[in-house]
Amino acid sequence: SFCINQINSGVSESKAYSDMAKRV
């Protein structure tokens, strides 16, 4: 949900998924 909210706020999908992997 946090990752999708980032995408909806203008972050690129590739970067949002990459950030999620770093957090996990």
PDB file of all heavy atoms in Angstrom:
ATOM      1  N   SER A   1       0.838  -1.213   0.000  1.00  0.00           N
ATOM      2  CA  SER A   1       0.000   0.000   0.000  1.00  0.00           C
ATOM      3  C   SER A   1       0.866   1.253   0.000  1.00  0.00           C
ATOM      4  O   SER A   1       0.574   2.227  -0.717  1.00  0.00           O
ATOM      5  CB  SER A   1      -0.912  -0.010   1.233  1.00  0.00           C
ATOM      6  OG  SER A   1      -1.792  -1.110   1.194  1.00  0.00           O
ATOM      7  N   PHE A   2       1.919   1.251   0.808  1.00  0.00           N
ATOM      8  CA  PHE A   2       2.828   2.396   0.828  1.00  0.00           C
ATOM      9  C   PHE A   2       3.502   2.570  -0.530  1.00  0.00           C
ATOM     10  O   PHE A   2       3.672   3.706  -1.020  1.00  0.00           O
ATOM     11  CB  PHE A   2       3.889   2.179   1.917  1.00  0.00           C
ATOM     12  CG  PHE A   2       4.793   3.353   2.135  1.00  0.00           C
ATOM     13  CD1 PHE A   2       4.396   4.433   2.929  1.00  0.00           C
ATOM     14  CD2 PHE A   2       6.049   3.400   1.545  1.00  0.00           C
ATOM     15  CE1 PHE A   2       5.232   5.513   3.128  1.00  0.00           C
ATOM     16  CE2 PHE A   2       6.891   4.484   1.739  1.00  0.00           C
ATOM     17  CZ  PHE A   2       6.479   5.549   2.531  1.00  0.00           C
ATOM     18  N   CYS A   3       3.881   1.447  -1.157  1.00  0.00           N
ATOM     19  CA  CYS A   3       4.524   1.506  -2.478  1.00  0.00           C
ATOM     20  C   CYS A   3       3.561   2.086  -3.527  1.00  0.00           C
ATOM     21  O   CYS A   3       3.949   2.940  -4.339  1.00  0.00           O
ATOM     22  CB  CYS A   3       4.970   0.100  -2.880  1.00  0.00           C
ATOM     23  SG  CYS A   3       5.741  -0.004  -4.497  1.00  0.00           S
ATOM     24  N   ILE A   4       2.299   1.653  -3.503  1.00  0.00           N
ATOM     25  CA  ILE A   4       1.325   2.145  -4.476  1.00  0.00           C
ATOM     26  C   ILE A   4       1.023   3.626  -4.244  1.00  0.00           C
ATOM     27  O   ILE A   4       0.837   4.405  -5.190  1.00  0.00           O
ATOM     28  CB  ILE A   4       0.035   1.303  -4.401  1.00  0.00           C
ATOM     29  CG1 ILE A   4       0.339  -0.114  -4.903  1.00  0.00           C
ATOM     30  CG2 ILE A   4      -1.085   1.930  -5.215  1.00  0.00           C
ATOM     31  CD1 ILE A   4      -0.823  -1.076  -4.767  1.00  0.00           C
ATOM     32  N   ASN A   5       0.995   4.034  -2.968  1.00  0.00           N
ATOM     33  CA  ASN A   5       0.790   5.461  -2.664  1.00  0.00           C
ATOM     34  C   ASN A   5       1.938   6.307  -3.216  1.00  0.00           C
ATOM     35  O   ASN A   5       1.720   7.432  -3.680  1.00  0.00           O
ATOM     36  CB  ASN A   5       0.674   5.656  -1.161  1.00  0.00           C
ATOM     37  CG  ASN A   5      -0.635   5.129  -0.613  1.00  0.00           C
ATOM     38  OD1 ASN A   5      -1.615   5.011  -1.351  1.00  0.00           O
ATOM     39  ND2 ASN A   5      -0.650   4.782   0.664  1.00  0.00           N
ATOM     40  N   GLN A   6       3.167   5.762  -3.154  1.00  0.00           N
ATOM     41  CA  GLN A   6       4.297   6.474  -3.763  1.00  0.00           C
ATOM     42  C   GLN A   6       4.097   6.643  -5.260  1.00  0.00           C
ATOM     43  O   GLN A   6       4.370   7.714  -5.823  1.00  0.00           O
ATOM     44  CB  GLN A   6       5.600   5.703  -3.493  1.00  0.00           C
ATOM     45  CG  GLN A   6       6.178   5.881  -2.098  1.00  0.00           C
ATOM     46  CD  GLN A   6       7.517   5.191  -1.967  1.00  0.00           C
ATOM     47  OE1 GLN A   6       7.668   4.015  -2.306  1.00  0.00           O
ATOM     48  NE2 GLN A   6       8.505   5.923  -1.478  1.00  0.00           N
ATOM     49  N   ILE A   7       3.632   5.563  -5.919  1.00  0.00           N
ATOM     50  CA  ILE A   7       3.411   5.626  -7.377  1.00  0.00           C
ATOM     51  C   ILE A   7       2.330   6.654  -7.700  1.00  0.00           C
ATOM     52  O   ILE A   7       2.458   7.459  -8.640  1.00  0.00           O
ATOM     53  CB  ILE A   7       3.031   4.227  -7.909  1.00  0.00           C
ATOM     54  CG1 ILE A   7       4.201   3.263  -7.715  1.00  0.00           C
ATOM     55  CG2 ILE A   7       2.634   4.313  -9.385  1.00  0.00           C
ATOM     56  CD1 ILE A   7       3.853   1.819  -8.049  1.00  0.00           C
ATOM     57  N   ASN A   8       1.269   6.647  -6.900  1.00  0.00           N
ATOM     58  CA  ASN A   8       0.178   7.601  -7.133  1.00  0.00           C
ATOM     59  C   ASN A   8       0.613   9.040  -6.886  1.00  0.00           C
ATOM     60  O   ASN A   8       0.033   9.984  -7.449  1.00  0.00           O
ATOM     61  CB  ASN A   8      -1.014   7.263  -6.234  1.00  0.00           C
ATOM     62  CG  ASN A   8      -1.663   5.940  -6.609  1.00  0.00           C
ATOM     63  OD1 ASN A   8      -1.560   5.489  -7.759  1.00  0.00           O
ATOM     64  ND2 ASN A   8      -2.325   5.297  -5.641  1.00  0.00           N
ATOM     65  N   SER A   9       1.626   9.227  -6.041  1.00  0.00           N
ATOM     66  CA  SER A   9       2.099  10.581  -5.751  1.00  0.00           C
ATOM     67  C   SER A   9       3.148  11.061  -6.739  1.00  0.00           C
ATOM     68  O   SER A   9       3.678  12.165  -6.589  1.00  0.00           O
ATOM     69  CB  SER A   9       2.676  10.639  -4.336  1.00  0.00           C
ATOM     70  OG  SER A   9       3.810   9.790  -4.227  1.00  0.00           O
ATOM     71  N   GLY A  10       3.493  10.250  -7.751  1.00  0.00           N
ATOM     72  CA  GLY A  10       4.398  10.692  -8.795  1.00  0.00           C
ATOM     73  C   GLY A  10       5.719   9.964  -8.887  1.00  0.00           C
ATOM     74  O   GLY A  10       6.503  10.206  -9.809  1.00  0.00           O
ATOM     75  N   VAL A  11       6.011   9.051  -7.958  1.00  0.00           N
ATOM     76  CA  VAL A  11       7.261   8.280  -8.018  1.00  0.00           C
ATOM     77  C   VAL A  11       7.124   7.225  -9.101  1.00  0.00           C
ATOM     78  O   VAL A  11       6.068   6.597  -9.247  1.00  0.00           O
ATOM     79  CB  VAL A  11       7.565   7.628  -6.646  1.00  0.00           C
ATOM     80  CG1 VAL A  11       8.845   6.796  -6.713  1.00  0.00           C
ATOM     81  CG2 VAL A  11       7.677   8.689  -5.567  1.00  0.00           C
ATOM     82  N   SER A  12       8.195   6.990  -9.855  1.00  0.00           N
ATOM     83  CA  SER A  12       8.153   5.990 -10.916  1.00  0.00           C
ATOM     84  C   SER A  12       7.952   4.603 -10.318  1.00  0.00           C
ATOM     85  O   SER A  12       8.391   4.316  -9.195  1.00  0.00           O
ATOM     86  CB  SER A  12       9.435   6.031 -11.732  1.00  0.00           C
ATOM     87  OG  SER A  12      10.541   5.643 -10.945  1.00  0.00           O
ATOM     88  N   GLU A  13       7.276   3.710 -11.106  1.00  0.00           N
ATOM     89  CA  GLU A  13       7.002   2.367 -10.594  1.00  0.00           C
ATOM     90  C   GLU A  13       8.298   1.624 -10.284  1.00  0.00           C
ATOM     91  O   GLU A  13       8.405   0.942  -9.261  1.00  0.00           O
ATOM     92  CB  GLU A  13       6.180   1.587 -11.630  1.00  0.00           C
ATOM     93  CG  GLU A  13       4.740   2.037 -11.727  1.00  0.00           C
ATOM     94  CD  GLU A  13       3.905   1.046 -12.531  1.00  0.00           C
ATOM     95  OE1 GLU A  13       4.067  -0.173 -12.314  1.00  0.00           O
ATOM     96  OE2 GLU A  13       3.126   1.483 -13.375  1.00  0.00           O
ATOM     97  N   SER A  14       9.262   1.726 -11.176  1.00  0.00           N
ATOM     98  CA  SER A  14      10.530   1.013 -10.975  1.00  0.00           C
ATOM     99  C   SER A  14      11.199   1.428  -9.670  1.00  0.00           C
ATOM    100  O   SER A  14      11.658   0.588  -8.890  1.00  0.00           O
ATOM    101  CB  SER A  14      11.458   1.279 -12.162  1.00  0.00           C
ATOM    102  OG  SER A  14      12.695   0.617 -11.970  1.00  0.00           O
ATOM    103  N   LYS A  15      11.226   2.742  -9.398  1.00  0.00           N
ATOM    104  CA  LYS A  15      11.861   3.227  -8.172  1.00  0.00           C
ATOM    105  C   LYS A  15      11.045   2.839  -6.939  1.00  0.00           C
ATOM    106  O   LYS A  15      11.597   2.492  -5.892  1.00  0.00           O
ATOM    107  CB  LYS A  15      12.021   4.743  -8.229  1.00  0.00           C
ATOM    108  CG  LYS A  15      12.815   5.316  -7.045  1.00  0.00           C
ATOM    109  CD  LYS A  15      13.014   6.805  -7.175  1.00  0.00           C
ATOM    110  CE  LYS A  15      13.952   7.336  -6.095  1.00  0.00           C
ATOM    111  NZ  LYS A  15      13.594   6.881  -4.733  1.00  0.00           N
ATOM    112  N   ALA A  16       9.721   2.875  -7.031  1.00  0.00           N
ATOM    113  CA  ALA A  16       8.871   2.532  -5.891  1.00  0.00           C
ATOM    114  C   ALA A  16       9.069   1.078  -5.489  1.00  0.00           C
ATOM    115  O   ALA A  16       9.197   0.760  -4.295  1.00  0.00           O
ATOM    116  CB  ALA A  16       7.404   2.799  -6.227  1.00  0.00           C
ATOM    117  N   TYR A  17       9.118   0.169  -6.502  1.00  0.00           N
ATOM    118  CA  TYR A  17       9.332  -1.249  -6.185  1.00  0.00           C
ATOM    119  C   TYR A  17      10.736  -1.485  -5.634  1.00  0.00           C
ATOM    120  O   TYR A  17      10.946  -2.310  -4.734  1.00  0.00           O
ATOM    121  CB  TYR A  17       9.096  -2.110  -7.428  1.00  0.00           C
ATOM    122  CG  TYR A  17       7.686  -2.009  -7.976  1.00  0.00           C
ATOM    123  CD1 TYR A  17       7.444  -1.959  -9.347  1.00  0.00           C
ATOM    124  CD2 TYR A  17       6.600  -1.961  -7.110  1.00  0.00           C
ATOM    125  CE1 TYR A  17       6.158  -1.858  -9.848  1.00  0.00           C
ATOM    126  CE2 TYR A  17       5.296  -1.863  -7.602  1.00  0.00           C
ATOM    127  CZ  TYR A  17       5.081  -1.807  -8.965  1.00  0.00           C
ATOM    128  OH  TYR A  17       3.812  -1.715  -9.461  1.00  0.00           O
ATOM    129  N   SER A  18      11.699  -0.764  -6.170  1.00  0.00           N
ATOM    130  CA  SER A  18      13.070  -0.884  -5.674  1.00  0.00           C
ATOM    131  C   SER A  18      13.184  -0.395  -4.226  1.00  0.00           C
ATOM    132  O   SER A  18      13.859  -1.028  -3.399  1.00  0.00           O
ATOM    133  CB  SER A  18      14.019  -0.090  -6.575  1.00  0.00           C
ATOM    134  OG  SER A  18      15.335  -0.149  -6.083  1.00  0.00           O
ATOM    135  N   ASP A  19      12.498   0.716  -3.902  1.00  0.00           N
ATOM    136  CA  ASP A  19      12.505   1.225  -2.527  1.00  0.00           C
ATOM    137  C   ASP A  19      11.846   0.229  -1.573  1.00  0.00           C
ATOM    138  O   ASP A  19      12.287   0.059  -0.440  1.00  0.00           O
ATOM    139  CB  ASP A  19      11.781   2.571  -2.455  1.00  0.00           C
ATOM    140  CG  ASP A  19      12.569   3.692  -3.124  1.00  0.00           C
ATOM    141  OD1 ASP A  19      13.783   3.488  -3.368  1.00  0.00           O
ATOM    142  OD2 ASP A  19      11.972   4.749  -3.391  1.00  0.00           O
ATOM    143  N   MET A  20      10.778  -0.424  -2.015  1.00  0.00           N
ATOM    144  CA  MET A  20      10.113  -1.420  -1.174  1.00  0.00           C
ATOM    145  C   MET A  20      11.060  -2.584  -0.860  1.00  0.00           C
ATOM    146  O   MET A  20      11.120  -3.078   0.272  1.00  0.00           O
ATOM    147  CB  MET A  20       8.844  -1.939  -1.868  1.00  0.00           C
ATOM    148  CG  MET A  20       8.022  -2.864  -0.986  1.00  0.00           C
ATOM    149  SD  MET A  20       6.578  -3.594  -1.817  1.00  0.00           S
ATOM    150  CE  MET A  20       7.383  -4.874  -2.779  1.00  0.00           C
ATOM    151  N   ALA A  21      11.823  -3.015  -1.861  1.00  0.00           N
ATOM    152  CA  ALA A  21      12.783  -4.107  -1.648  1.00  0.00           C
ATOM    153  C   ALA A  21      13.865  -3.702  -0.648  1.00  0.00           C
ATOM    154  O   ALA A  21      14.295  -4.502   0.186  1.00  0.00           O
ATOM    155  CB  ALA A  21      13.409  -4.515  -2.978  1.00  0.00           C
ATOM    156  N   LYS A  22      14.302  -2.417  -0.723  1.00  0.00           N
ATOM    157  CA  LYS A  22      15.317  -1.944   0.229  1.00  0.00           C
ATOM    158  C   LYS A  22      14.757  -1.896   1.650  1.00  0.00           C
ATOM    159  O   LYS A  22      15.447  -2.223   2.606  1.00  0.00           O
ATOM    160  CB  LYS A  22      15.804  -0.562  -0.195  1.00  0.00           C
ATOM    161  CG  LYS A  22      16.657  -0.566  -1.456  1.00  0.00           C
ATOM    162  CD  LYS A  22      17.085   0.848  -1.815  1.00  0.00           C
ATOM    163  CE  LYS A  22      17.916   0.862  -3.092  1.00  0.00           C
ATOM    164  NZ  LYS A  22      18.318   2.243  -3.474  1.00  0.00           N
ATOM    165  N   ARG A  23      13.487  -1.483   1.796  1.00  0.00           N
ATOM    166  CA  ARG A  23      12.897  -1.430   3.133  1.00  0.00           C
ATOM    167  C   ARG A  23      12.746  -2.821   3.730  1.00  0.00           C
ATOM    168  O   ARG A  23      13.010  -3.044   4.908  1.00  0.00           O
ATOM    169  CB  ARG A  23      11.521  -0.744   3.067  1.00  0.00           C
ATOM    170  CG  ARG A  23      11.547   0.745   2.850  1.00  0.00           C
ATOM    171  CD  ARG A  23      10.189   1.357   3.152  1.00  0.00           C
ATOM    172  NE  ARG A  23       9.115   0.739   2.392  1.00  0.00           N
ATOM    173  CZ  ARG A  23       8.718   1.125   1.189  1.00  0.00           C
ATOM    174  NH1 ARG A  23       9.318   2.152   0.584  1.00  0.00           N
ATOM    175  NH2 ARG A  23       7.731   0.507   0.568  1.00  0.00           N
ATOM    176  N   VAL A  24      12.317  -3.757   2.898  1.00  0.00           N
ATOM    177  CA  VAL A  24      12.105  -5.125   3.392  1.00  0.00           C
ATOM    178  C   VAL A  24      13.431  -5.807   3.703  1.00  0.00           C
ATOM    179  O   VAL A  24      13.574  -6.518   4.690  1.00  0.00           O
ATOM    180  CB  VAL A  24      11.298  -5.938   2.367  1.00  0.00           C
ATOM    181  CG1 VAL A  24      11.202  -7.386   2.775  1.00  0.00           C
ATOM    182  CG2 VAL A  24       9.899  -5.342   2.215  1.00  0.00           C
TER     183      VAL A  24
END
